[in-house]
Amino acid sequence: MFLFCPTCGNLLVVEEGPRCYRFACNTCPYVQNIERTVVSYKFPALKKVDDILGGQDAWKNVDSTEETCPKCEHHRAYFLQIQTRSADEPMTIFYKCCKPECGHRWKE
């Protein structure tokens, strides 16, 4: 928050007065005592982050395999293979439980 001098238009600075802090102009004699706490918050807008797996559409038309869900012990799971590291590393396999009420996701 910036305050400007109503007389000359320059930026006001905060200085310590005889009994309190005050806004003062460096170029003219304008002074205004600070009578209350002055607080101003400005939060930057966060960027929207994309889902690295493509969201819900990534799980459409994927194959399933015999893999046991660690949460519900169901014996089938959908899987995706995605290269998440450098080319000399193996692909990461992401699983999603086939049981609709579970839907647990894990990776290998």
N, C-alpha and C. Protein backbone atom coordinates (compact mmCIF):
# COMPACT_ATOMS: atom_id res chain seq x y z
N MET A 1 0.85 -1.17 0.00
CA MET A 1 0.00 0.00 0.00
C MET A 1 0.90 1.23 0.00
N PHE A 2 0.65 2.13 -0.92
CA PHE A 2 1.39 3.37 -1.00
C PHE A 2 0.42 4.53 -0.75
N LEU A 3 0.89 5.50 0.01
CA LEU A 3 0.12 6.72 0.22
C LEU A 3 0.91 7.87 -0.36
N PHE A 4 0.19 8.79 -0.98
CA PHE A 4 0.83 9.93 -1.63
C PHE A 4 0.39 11.22 -0.97
N CYS A 5 1.25 12.19 -1.01
CA CYS A 5 1.00 13.50 -0.41
C CYS A 5 -0.12 14.21 -1.18
N PRO A 6 -1.17 14.68 -0.47
CA PRO A 6 -2.25 15.39 -1.17
C PRO A 6 -1.83 16.78 -1.65
N THR A 7 -0.72 17.30 -1.13
CA THR A 7 -0.26 18.64 -1.53
C THR A 7 0.60 18.60 -2.79
N CYS A 8 1.65 17.75 -2.75
CA CYS A 8 2.59 17.75 -3.88
C CYS A 8 2.59 16.44 -4.69
N GLY A 9 1.96 15.40 -4.19
CA GLY A 9 1.84 14.15 -4.92
C GLY A 9 3.01 13.19 -4.76
N ASN A 10 3.99 13.51 -3.91
CA ASN A 10 5.12 12.61 -3.69
C ASN A 10 4.73 11.49 -2.73
N LEU A 11 5.52 10.44 -2.73
CA LEU A 11 5.28 9.29 -1.87
C LEU A 11 5.52 9.65 -0.41
N LEU A 12 4.59 9.26 0.46
CA LEU A 12 4.75 9.52 1.89
C LEU A 12 5.60 8.41 2.51
N VAL A 13 6.44 8.79 3.46
CA VAL A 13 7.26 7.83 4.19
C VAL A 13 6.78 7.77 5.63
N VAL A 14 7.11 6.67 6.31
CA VAL A 14 6.73 6.52 7.71
C VAL A 14 7.91 6.97 8.56
N GLU A 15 7.63 7.85 9.52
CA GLU A 15 8.67 8.31 10.43
C GLU A 15 8.13 8.30 11.85
N GLU A 16 9.05 8.28 12.81
CA GLU A 16 8.64 8.27 14.20
C GLU A 16 8.51 9.70 14.68
N GLY A 17 7.29 10.04 15.14
CA GLY A 17 7.03 11.38 15.64
C GLY A 17 7.27 11.45 17.14
N PRO A 18 6.87 12.58 17.77
CA PRO A 18 7.08 12.73 19.21
C PRO A 18 6.27 11.74 20.06
N ARG A 19 5.03 11.41 19.65
CA ARG A 19 4.20 10.51 20.44
C ARG A 19 3.74 9.28 19.67
N CYS A 20 3.88 9.28 18.36
CA CYS A 20 3.39 8.17 17.55
C CYS A 20 4.11 8.17 16.20
N TYR A 21 3.85 7.14 15.44
CA TYR A 21 4.38 7.12 14.07
C TYR A 21 3.48 7.99 13.20
N ARG A 22 4.05 8.47 12.08
CA ARG A 22 3.27 9.33 11.21
C ARG A 22 3.77 9.21 9.77
N PHE A 23 2.88 9.56 8.84
CA PHE A 23 3.25 9.66 7.43
C PHE A 23 3.77 11.07 7.20
N ALA A 24 4.89 11.19 6.50
CA ALA A 24 5.46 12.51 6.25
C ALA A 24 5.95 12.58 4.82
N CYS A 25 5.89 13.78 4.27
CA CYS A 25 6.37 14.03 2.91
C CYS A 25 7.79 14.55 3.00
N ASN A 26 8.67 14.07 2.14
CA ASN A 26 10.07 14.51 2.15
C ASN A 26 10.28 15.86 1.47
N THR A 27 9.33 16.30 0.66
CA THR A 27 9.54 17.55 -0.08
C THR A 27 8.74 18.74 0.43
N CYS A 28 7.63 18.48 1.14
CA CYS A 28 6.84 19.58 1.69
C CYS A 28 6.56 19.30 3.16
N PRO A 29 6.00 20.23 3.90
CA PRO A 29 5.80 20.03 5.33
C PRO A 29 4.59 19.17 5.72
N TYR A 30 3.96 18.48 4.79
CA TYR A 30 2.76 17.69 5.10
C TYR A 30 3.11 16.54 6.04
N VAL A 31 2.31 16.38 7.11
CA VAL A 31 2.47 15.31 8.09
C VAL A 31 1.07 14.82 8.48
N GLN A 32 0.90 13.50 8.59
CA GLN A 32 -0.37 12.91 9.03
C GLN A 32 -0.05 11.83 10.05
N ASN A 33 -0.59 11.98 11.27
CA ASN A 33 -0.37 10.97 12.31
C ASN A 33 -1.09 9.67 11.96
N ILE A 34 -0.45 8.56 12.33
CA ILE A 34 -1.07 7.25 12.13
C ILE A 34 -1.85 6.93 13.39
N GLU A 35 -3.18 6.84 13.27
CA GLU A 35 -4.04 6.65 14.44
C GLU A 35 -4.48 5.21 14.62
N ARG A 36 -4.32 4.38 13.60
CA ARG A 36 -4.72 2.98 13.70
C ARG A 36 -3.68 2.13 12.98
N THR A 37 -3.77 0.85 13.19
CA THR A 37 -2.85 -0.07 12.52
C THR A 37 -3.18 -0.11 11.04
N VAL A 38 -2.16 0.07 10.24
CA VAL A 38 -2.33 0.06 8.79
C VAL A 38 -1.77 -1.26 8.27
N VAL A 39 -2.66 -2.07 7.71
CA VAL A 39 -2.25 -3.37 7.19
C VAL A 39 -2.85 -3.53 5.80
N SER A 40 -2.03 -4.01 4.90
CA SER A 40 -2.50 -4.27 3.55
C SER A 40 -1.92 -5.59 3.08
N TYR A 41 -2.79 -6.50 2.63
CA TYR A 41 -2.36 -7.80 2.14
C TYR A 41 -2.64 -7.89 0.65
N LYS A 42 -1.68 -8.39 -0.08
CA LYS A 42 -1.85 -8.60 -1.51
C LYS A 42 -1.33 -10.00 -1.80
N PHE A 43 -2.24 -10.91 -2.13
CA PHE A 43 -1.86 -12.28 -2.42
C PHE A 43 -1.79 -12.47 -3.93
N PRO A 44 -0.69 -13.01 -4.43
CA PRO A 44 -0.59 -13.22 -5.88
C PRO A 44 -1.54 -14.34 -6.33
N ALA A 45 -2.01 -14.21 -7.55
CA ALA A 45 -2.88 -15.24 -8.10
C ALA A 45 -2.03 -16.46 -8.45
N LEU A 46 -2.46 -17.63 -8.03
CA LEU A 46 -1.73 -18.85 -8.31
C LEU A 46 -2.03 -19.35 -9.70
N LYS A 47 -1.01 -19.93 -10.33
CA LYS A 47 -1.21 -20.49 -11.65
C LYS A 47 -2.05 -21.76 -11.53
N LYS A 48 -2.84 -22.02 -12.54
CA LYS A 48 -3.60 -23.26 -12.57
C LYS A 48 -2.64 -24.38 -12.95
N VAL A 49 -2.64 -25.44 -12.15
CA VAL A 49 -1.73 -26.55 -12.37
C VAL A 49 -2.48 -27.67 -13.09
N ASP A 50 -1.90 -28.12 -14.20
CA ASP A 50 -2.50 -29.21 -14.95
C ASP A 50 -2.15 -30.54 -14.30
N ASP A 51 -3.07 -31.47 -14.40
CA ASP A 51 -2.84 -32.81 -13.90
C ASP A 51 -1.85 -33.50 -14.83
N ILE A 52 -0.75 -34.03 -14.28
CA ILE A 52 0.27 -34.62 -15.15
C ILE A 52 -0.21 -35.90 -15.81
N LEU A 53 -1.23 -36.52 -15.26
CA LEU A 53 -1.76 -37.74 -15.86
C LEU A 53 -2.92 -37.47 -16.81
N GLY A 54 -3.28 -36.22 -17.03
CA GLY A 54 -4.33 -35.90 -17.98
C GLY A 54 -5.72 -35.88 -17.39
N GLY A 55 -5.86 -35.96 -16.08
CA GLY A 55 -7.17 -35.91 -15.44
C GLY A 55 -7.96 -37.20 -15.64
N GLN A 56 -9.27 -37.10 -15.61
CA GLN A 56 -10.13 -38.27 -15.75
C GLN A 56 -10.08 -38.86 -17.16
N ASP A 57 -9.82 -38.04 -18.16
CA ASP A 57 -9.77 -38.54 -19.53
C ASP A 57 -8.61 -39.49 -19.77
N ALA A 58 -7.57 -39.42 -18.96
CA ALA A 58 -6.42 -40.30 -19.14
C ALA A 58 -6.77 -41.76 -18.86
N TRP A 59 -7.80 -42.01 -18.05
CA TRP A 59 -8.16 -43.37 -17.68
C TRP A 59 -9.21 -43.96 -18.60
N LYS A 60 -9.63 -43.22 -19.64
CA LYS A 60 -10.57 -43.77 -20.61
C LYS A 60 -9.81 -44.67 -21.57
N ASN A 61 -10.42 -45.78 -21.95
CA ASN A 61 -9.86 -46.71 -22.94
C ASN A 61 -8.49 -47.26 -22.54
N VAL A 62 -8.27 -47.55 -21.28
CA VAL A 62 -7.02 -48.16 -20.84
C VAL A 62 -7.25 -49.65 -20.60
N ASP A 63 -6.19 -50.42 -20.66
CA ASP A 63 -6.27 -51.86 -20.43
C ASP A 63 -6.25 -52.16 -18.94
N SER A 64 -6.70 -53.37 -18.60
CA SER A 64 -6.64 -53.81 -17.21
C SER A 64 -5.75 -55.04 -17.14
N THR A 65 -5.25 -55.30 -15.95
CA THR A 65 -4.35 -56.42 -15.74
C THR A 65 -4.63 -57.04 -14.38
N GLU A 66 -4.04 -58.20 -14.14
CA GLU A 66 -4.18 -58.87 -12.84
C GLU A 66 -3.19 -58.23 -11.87
N GLU A 67 -3.68 -57.33 -11.06
CA GLU A 67 -2.88 -56.64 -10.05
C GLU A 67 -3.77 -56.43 -8.83
N THR A 68 -3.27 -56.77 -7.65
CA THR A 68 -4.07 -56.69 -6.43
C THR A 68 -4.01 -55.27 -5.86
N CYS A 69 -5.19 -54.72 -5.59
CA CYS A 69 -5.31 -53.39 -5.00
C CYS A 69 -4.84 -53.44 -3.55
N PRO A 70 -3.92 -52.56 -3.15
CA PRO A 70 -3.45 -52.58 -1.76
C PRO A 70 -4.49 -52.09 -0.76
N LYS A 71 -5.55 -51.45 -1.25
CA LYS A 71 -6.57 -50.91 -0.34
C LYS A 71 -7.71 -51.91 -0.11
N CYS A 72 -8.27 -52.46 -1.21
CA CYS A 72 -9.46 -53.31 -1.06
C CYS A 72 -9.22 -54.78 -1.45
N GLU A 73 -8.00 -55.11 -1.87
CA GLU A 73 -7.62 -56.48 -2.24
C GLU A 73 -8.34 -56.99 -3.49
N HIS A 74 -8.91 -56.10 -4.30
CA HIS A 74 -9.53 -56.51 -5.57
C HIS A 74 -8.42 -56.98 -6.50
N HIS A 75 -8.71 -57.97 -7.34
CA HIS A 75 -7.66 -58.63 -8.11
C HIS A 75 -7.39 -58.03 -9.49
N ARG A 76 -8.12 -56.99 -9.93
CA ARG A 76 -7.86 -56.38 -11.23
C ARG A 76 -7.68 -54.87 -11.08
N ALA A 77 -6.85 -54.32 -11.97
CA ALA A 77 -6.59 -52.88 -11.94
C ALA A 77 -6.31 -52.39 -13.36
N TYR A 78 -6.73 -51.16 -13.64
CA TYR A 78 -6.36 -50.50 -14.90
C TYR A 78 -4.92 -50.03 -14.75
N PHE A 79 -4.22 -49.88 -15.88
CA PHE A 79 -2.85 -49.40 -15.79
C PHE A 79 -2.49 -48.46 -16.93
N LEU A 80 -1.57 -47.55 -16.64
CA LEU A 80 -0.99 -46.61 -17.61
C LEU A 80 0.52 -46.66 -17.44
N GLN A 81 1.25 -46.55 -18.53
CA GLN A 81 2.70 -46.44 -18.46
C GLN A 81 3.09 -45.06 -18.98
N ILE A 82 3.80 -44.31 -18.14
CA ILE A 82 4.20 -42.95 -18.51
C ILE A 82 5.69 -42.78 -18.22
N GLN A 83 6.39 -42.15 -19.14
CA GLN A 83 7.81 -41.85 -18.94
C GLN A 83 7.92 -40.60 -18.09
N THR A 84 8.20 -40.75 -16.80
CA THR A 84 8.27 -39.61 -15.89
C THR A 84 9.70 -39.16 -15.61
N ARG A 85 10.67 -39.99 -15.94
CA ARG A 85 12.07 -39.65 -15.69
C ARG A 85 12.81 -39.57 -17.01
N SER A 86 14.12 -39.56 -16.96
CA SER A 86 14.91 -39.47 -18.19
C SER A 86 14.75 -40.74 -19.02
N ALA A 87 15.20 -40.68 -20.25
CA ALA A 87 14.97 -41.78 -21.19
C ALA A 87 15.69 -43.06 -20.79
N ASP A 88 16.78 -42.98 -20.02
CA ASP A 88 17.48 -44.19 -19.63
C ASP A 88 16.87 -44.88 -18.41
N GLU A 89 15.85 -44.30 -17.82
CA GLU A 89 15.13 -44.90 -16.69
C GLU A 89 13.89 -45.64 -17.21
N PRO A 90 13.43 -46.67 -16.49
CA PRO A 90 12.22 -47.37 -16.94
C PRO A 90 10.97 -46.51 -16.77
N MET A 91 9.92 -46.86 -17.50
CA MET A 91 8.65 -46.13 -17.41
C MET A 91 8.00 -46.40 -16.06
N THR A 92 7.23 -45.42 -15.59
CA THR A 92 6.47 -45.58 -14.35
C THR A 92 5.10 -46.14 -14.69
N ILE A 93 4.67 -47.15 -13.95
CA ILE A 93 3.36 -47.76 -14.18
C ILE A 93 2.40 -47.25 -13.11
N PHE A 94 1.31 -46.64 -13.54
CA PHE A 94 0.27 -46.14 -12.65
C PHE A 94 -0.91 -47.11 -12.72
N TYR A 95 -1.46 -47.46 -11.55
CA TYR A 95 -2.59 -48.37 -11.47
C TYR A 95 -3.80 -47.67 -10.87
N LYS A 96 -4.98 -48.14 -11.26
CA LYS A 96 -6.24 -47.67 -10.67
C LYS A 96 -7.12 -48.90 -10.49
N CYS A 97 -7.65 -49.07 -9.30
CA CYS A 97 -8.48 -50.24 -8.99
C CYS A 97 -9.71 -50.28 -9.89
N CYS A 98 -10.02 -51.47 -10.41
CA CYS A 98 -11.19 -51.65 -11.29
C CYS A 98 -12.51 -51.61 -10.54
N LYS A 99 -12.45 -51.83 -9.26
CA LYS A 99 -13.68 -51.82 -8.45
C LYS A 99 -14.18 -50.37 -8.36
N PRO A 100 -15.40 -50.09 -8.90
CA PRO A 100 -15.88 -48.69 -8.97
C PRO A 100 -15.97 -47.98 -7.62
N GLU A 101 -16.36 -48.69 -6.57
CA GLU A 101 -16.49 -48.02 -5.28
C GLU A 101 -15.15 -47.77 -4.59
N CYS A 102 -14.08 -48.40 -5.08
CA CYS A 102 -12.75 -48.16 -4.51
C CYS A 102 -12.01 -47.07 -5.30
N GLY A 103 -11.60 -47.35 -6.53
CA GLY A 103 -10.93 -46.37 -7.37
C GLY A 103 -9.57 -45.93 -6.86
N HIS A 104 -8.96 -46.72 -5.97
CA HIS A 104 -7.65 -46.38 -5.39
C HIS A 104 -6.58 -46.32 -6.49
N ARG A 105 -5.66 -45.36 -6.39
CA ARG A 105 -4.59 -45.22 -7.37
C ARG A 105 -3.24 -45.42 -6.66
N TRP A 106 -2.34 -46.09 -7.36
CA TRP A 106 -0.98 -46.27 -6.86
C TRP A 106 -0.03 -46.42 -8.04
N LYS A 107 1.25 -46.38 -7.76
CA LYS A 107 2.23 -46.52 -8.84
C LYS A 107 3.29 -47.53 -8.46
N GLU A 108 3.98 -48.00 -9.49
CA GLU A 108 5.03 -49.00 -9.30
C GLU A 108 6.30 -48.49 -9.91
